[in-house]
Amino acid sequence: MEEPSGPLYRDWSAQIESARPVPRDVAKEARPLSENYARQLWRWLLCTKQDVIPLLEKTCWVWRVRDSQPFSEPGQSPRDNDPLPVRMPWADDERVFFLGRADQGYETTWRIFRTRWGVFLNWTFEDGILFHPLDREALVFFEGWGWLGRRSARRLTR
């Protein structure tokens, strides 16, 4: 499969489904991906035709990650400013991607996601995958649980 291509971003006003406004610091550092680009990126990253995490095939790397010890549990959902309780090897200004489902995703800095992860989880109903385009470490979120693990070896070069 080829790396995703096409328009990368869409306007903030076209993507927020919840009634909560976009915090200024998040709007400044994060950009919502276009539906088409998010869908291509989802398929490229997960090698699946399924559109949401619960429907992913059991052979997908996400299931191996979910077999590990979680770093967060239901009921510990973060407030907007709670820091992420996981250390990653990335600099604060490194770009990362967060995909909530096949047609919804964001590109942001590691600092913004690390300090404002509750905002992103609120937009995606507590499901999503955070990954760095060149690193195999990934965070998987599902129904209020959070896991740290390694994703597939595919690298995003764009």
Protein backbone atom coordinates (compact mmCIF):
# COMPACT_ATOMS: atom_id res chain seq x y z
CA MET A 1 0.00 0.00 0.00
CA GLU A 2 1.27 3.45 -0.84
CA GLU A 3 1.73 6.16 1.75
CA PRO A 4 -1.32 8.44 2.16
CA SER A 5 -1.55 11.53 -0.02
CA GLY A 6 -3.97 14.36 -0.81
CA PRO A 7 -5.19 17.38 1.14
CA LEU A 8 -3.85 17.00 4.65
CA TYR A 9 -5.98 19.31 6.79
CA ARG A 10 -9.46 20.69 7.26
CA ASP A 11 -10.81 23.68 9.13
CA TRP A 12 -11.48 23.35 12.85
CA SER A 13 -15.09 24.48 12.48
CA ALA A 14 -15.84 21.53 10.20
CA GLN A 15 -14.69 18.76 12.53
CA ILE A 16 -15.73 19.24 16.16
CA GLU A 17 -18.76 17.09 16.94
CA SER A 18 -18.94 17.96 20.62
CA ALA A 19 -20.20 21.27 21.91
CA ARG A 20 -16.90 22.03 23.63
CA PRO A 21 -14.87 24.82 22.06
CA VAL A 22 -11.32 24.19 20.87
CA PRO A 23 -8.88 25.49 23.50
CA ARG A 24 -6.63 28.22 22.06
CA ASP A 25 -3.37 26.42 22.78
CA VAL A 26 -4.68 23.29 21.07
CA ALA A 27 -6.00 25.22 18.06
CA LYS A 28 -2.61 26.89 17.69
CA GLU A 29 -0.57 23.64 17.74
CA ALA A 30 -2.96 20.98 16.41
CA ARG A 31 -4.58 20.59 13.02
CA PRO A 32 -7.51 18.34 12.16
CA LEU A 33 -6.74 16.05 9.25
CA SER A 34 -9.00 15.99 6.22
CA GLU A 35 -11.39 13.03 6.27
CA ASN A 36 -9.76 11.53 3.20
CA TYR A 37 -6.21 11.86 4.54
CA ALA A 38 -7.23 10.51 7.98
CA ARG A 39 -8.90 7.52 6.29
CA GLN A 40 -5.84 6.80 4.14
CA LEU A 41 -3.54 7.17 7.15
CA TRP A 42 -5.75 4.83 9.23
CA ARG A 43 -5.69 2.18 6.51
CA TRP A 44 -1.94 2.59 5.97
CA LEU A 45 -1.15 2.39 9.70
CA LEU A 46 -3.51 -0.46 10.58
CA CYS A 47 -3.75 -2.41 7.29
CA THR A 48 -7.49 -2.82 7.73
CA LYS A 49 -10.81 -1.96 6.14
CA GLN A 50 -12.46 -1.56 9.56
CA ASP A 51 -13.26 2.03 10.55
CA VAL A 52 -13.13 1.86 14.37
CA ILE A 53 -10.89 0.25 16.98
CA PRO A 54 -13.45 -2.29 18.34
CA LEU A 55 -13.82 -3.86 14.88
CA LEU A 56 -10.10 -4.29 14.14
CA GLU A 57 -9.04 -7.81 13.25
CA LYS A 58 -7.47 -9.81 16.09
CA THR A 59 -4.28 -10.08 14.01
CA CYS A 60 -3.78 -6.30 14.04
CA TRP A 61 -0.88 -4.99 16.14
CA VAL A 62 -3.37 -2.99 18.26
CA TRP A 63 -4.52 -6.23 19.92
CA ARG A 64 -0.94 -7.09 20.95
CA VAL A 65 -0.63 -3.66 22.54
CA ARG A 66 -3.95 -4.11 24.34
CA ASP A 67 -2.65 -7.38 25.85
CA SER A 68 -0.09 -5.39 27.87
CA GLN A 69 -0.53 -3.66 31.24
CA PRO A 70 -2.64 -0.47 30.81
CA PHE A 71 -1.33 2.88 32.01
CA SER A 72 -4.84 4.29 32.53
CA GLU A 73 -8.18 2.74 33.45
CA PRO A 74 -11.83 3.71 33.03
CA GLY A 75 -12.83 6.31 35.55
CA GLN A 76 -9.38 7.89 35.32
CA SER A 77 -10.34 9.87 32.25
CA PRO A 78 -8.14 12.96 32.17
CA ARG A 79 -9.26 16.50 32.64
CA ASP A 80 -8.15 18.90 29.92
CA ASN A 81 -4.87 19.81 31.63
CA ASP A 82 -3.80 16.51 33.21
CA PRO A 83 -0.37 15.43 31.96
CA LEU A 84 -0.15 12.08 30.22
CA PRO A 85 1.22 9.50 32.70
CA VAL A 86 3.53 7.93 30.10
CA ARG A 87 7.02 8.95 29.01
CA MET A 88 7.87 8.82 25.32
CA PRO A 89 11.27 9.48 23.72
CA TRP A 90 10.06 12.45 21.67
CA ALA A 91 10.97 16.12 21.99
CA ASP A 92 8.13 18.48 22.85
CA ASP A 93 8.08 20.01 19.37
CA GLU A 94 7.99 16.66 17.51
CA ARG A 95 4.91 16.17 15.33
CA VAL A 96 2.63 13.24 16.22
CA PHE A 97 -0.66 11.93 14.87
CA PHE A 98 -3.77 10.99 16.83
CA LEU A 99 -6.43 8.97 14.99
CA GLY A 100 -9.81 8.44 16.64
CA ARG A 101 -11.30 6.40 13.81
CA ALA A 102 -10.86 6.03 10.07
CA ASP A 103 -12.14 9.50 9.15
CA GLN A 104 -11.04 11.53 12.17
CA GLY A 105 -7.50 12.45 13.07
CA TYR A 106 -5.20 15.24 14.18
CA GLU A 107 -1.61 16.26 13.74
CA THR A 108 -0.13 18.05 16.74
CA THR A 109 3.04 18.45 18.75
CA TRP A 110 3.97 15.92 21.41
CA ARG A 111 3.84 18.69 24.05
CA ILE A 112 0.23 19.58 23.24
CA PHE A 113 -0.91 15.98 23.22
CA ARG A 114 1.03 15.15 26.39
CA THR A 115 -0.48 18.07 28.30
CA ARG A 116 -3.94 18.17 26.69
CA TRP A 117 -4.71 14.53 25.88
CA GLY A 118 -8.10 14.80 27.58
CA VAL A 119 -9.23 17.22 24.87
CA PHE A 120 -8.35 14.76 22.11
CA LEU A 121 -9.98 11.80 23.88
CA ASN A 122 -13.14 13.86 24.43
CA TRP A 123 -13.39 14.46 20.67
CA THR A 124 -13.00 10.77 19.86
CA PHE A 125 -15.17 9.25 22.62
CA GLU A 126 -12.12 7.89 24.50
CA ASP A 127 -10.84 5.78 21.58
CA GLY A 128 -7.76 6.48 19.49
CA ILE A 129 -4.19 5.76 18.52
CA LEU A 130 -1.31 8.17 19.02
CA PHE A 131 1.86 7.58 17.04
CA HIS A 132 5.01 9.31 15.83
CA PRO A 133 5.55 8.97 12.07
CA LEU A 134 9.11 7.62 12.46
CA ASP A 135 8.93 5.75 15.78
CA ARG A 136 7.27 2.41 16.54
CA GLU A 137 6.11 3.34 20.05
CA ALA A 138 2.37 4.03 20.11
CA LEU A 139 -0.41 4.74 22.59
CA VAL A 140 -3.74 2.97 22.16
CA PHE A 141 -6.89 4.24 23.89
CA PHE A 142 -10.12 2.26 24.08
CA GLU A 143 -13.17 2.85 26.30
CA GLY A 144 -11.21 4.79 28.90
CA TRP A 145 -8.24 2.40 29.00
CA GLY A 146 -4.80 3.38 27.72
CA TRP A 147 -1.90 1.15 26.64
CA LEU A 148 1.68 1.74 25.52
CA GLY A 149 3.23 -0.59 22.95
CA ARG A 150 4.88 -1.01 19.58
CA ARG A 151 3.05 -0.58 16.31
CA SER A 152 3.82 -2.07 12.93
CA ALA A 153 7.16 -1.24 11.33
CA ARG A 154 5.69 1.04 8.66
CA ARG A 155 7.15 4.53 8.76
CA LEU A 156 5.39 7.66 7.59
CA THR A 157 7.86 9.78 5.66
CA ARG A 158 5.61 12.61 4.54
